[in-house]
């Protein structure tokens, strides 16, 4: 049986629908990332521009590394 070795997630309209981060989306994606890690599935987040998060406008990469 074939096994998944990796998953690619996009930011635009996936992690950040309509250009705004939504807590419920991040909560669900965090559950998915936790599952990936438990099964040793690698994941990558792709973007074609710089994204910022929160009122302090920190880079999205920093926020994702903190959460995951």
Protein backbone atom coordinates (compact mmCIF):
# COMPACT_ATOMS: atom_id res chain seq x y z
CA UNK A 1 0.00 0.00 0.00
CA UNK A 2 1.36 3.43 -0.95
CA UNK A 3 1.91 5.95 1.80
CA UNK A 4 1.78 9.74 1.73
CA UNK A 5 5.25 11.18 2.20
CA UNK A 6 4.49 14.86 1.88
CA UNK A 7 1.77 17.47 1.58
CA UNK A 8 1.85 20.99 0.17
CA UNK A 9 -0.53 23.62 1.56
CA UNK A 10 -1.13 27.01 0.01
CA UNK A 11 -1.67 30.25 1.91
CA UNK A 12 -3.92 32.27 -0.39
CA UNK A 13 -7.57 31.21 0.15
CA UNK A 14 -6.48 28.06 2.01
CA UNK A 15 -4.75 29.09 5.23
CA UNK A 16 -5.79 32.72 4.87
CA UNK A 17 -9.22 32.82 3.21
CA UNK A 18 -10.08 36.16 1.60
CA UNK A 19 -6.71 37.54 2.74
CA UNK A 20 -7.62 37.39 6.44
CA UNK A 21 -6.48 34.77 8.94
CA UNK A 22 -9.41 33.07 10.66
CA UNK A 23 -8.85 31.36 14.02
CA UNK A 24 -11.17 28.43 13.26
CA UNK A 25 -9.28 27.70 10.02
CA UNK A 26 -5.93 27.80 11.83
CA UNK A 27 -7.32 25.53 14.56
CA UNK A 28 -8.38 22.94 11.99
CA UNK A 29 -5.12 23.17 10.04
CA UNK A 30 -3.23 22.78 13.33
CA UNK A 31 -5.09 19.50 13.92
CA UNK A 32 -4.10 18.42 10.42
CA UNK A 33 -0.44 19.38 10.98
CA UNK A 34 -0.46 17.47 14.29
CA UNK A 35 -1.72 14.42 12.42
CA UNK A 36 0.96 14.83 9.74
CA UNK A 37 3.65 14.97 12.40
CA UNK A 38 2.27 11.89 14.16
CA UNK A 39 2.52 9.94 10.89
CA UNK A 40 5.92 11.40 9.89
CA UNK A 41 4.39 13.16 6.90
CA UNK A 42 6.40 16.18 5.80
CA UNK A 43 4.53 19.34 4.90
CA UNK A 44 5.36 22.58 3.13
CA UNK A 45 3.58 25.91 3.00
CA UNK A 46 3.77 27.67 -0.35
CA UNK A 47 3.25 31.33 -1.09
CA UNK A 48 4.13 33.65 -3.92
CA UNK A 49 4.34 36.80 -1.81
CA UNK A 50 5.15 37.97 1.70
CA UNK A 51 2.32 37.48 4.21
CA UNK A 52 1.98 39.17 7.58
CA UNK A 53 -0.05 38.15 10.61
CA UNK A 54 -1.67 40.07 13.44
CA UNK A 55 -1.84 43.73 14.31
CA UNK A 56 1.93 43.82 14.80
CA UNK A 57 2.32 42.57 11.19
CA UNK A 58 4.84 39.85 12.01
CA UNK A 59 5.79 37.60 9.10
CA UNK A 60 3.39 34.68 8.63
CA UNK A 61 6.37 32.30 8.61
CA UNK A 62 7.24 33.38 12.17
CA UNK A 63 3.65 32.77 13.31
CA UNK A 64 3.45 29.35 11.66
CA UNK A 65 6.77 28.27 13.16
CA UNK A 66 5.51 29.38 16.58
CA UNK A 67 2.25 27.45 16.23
CA UNK A 68 3.63 24.31 14.60
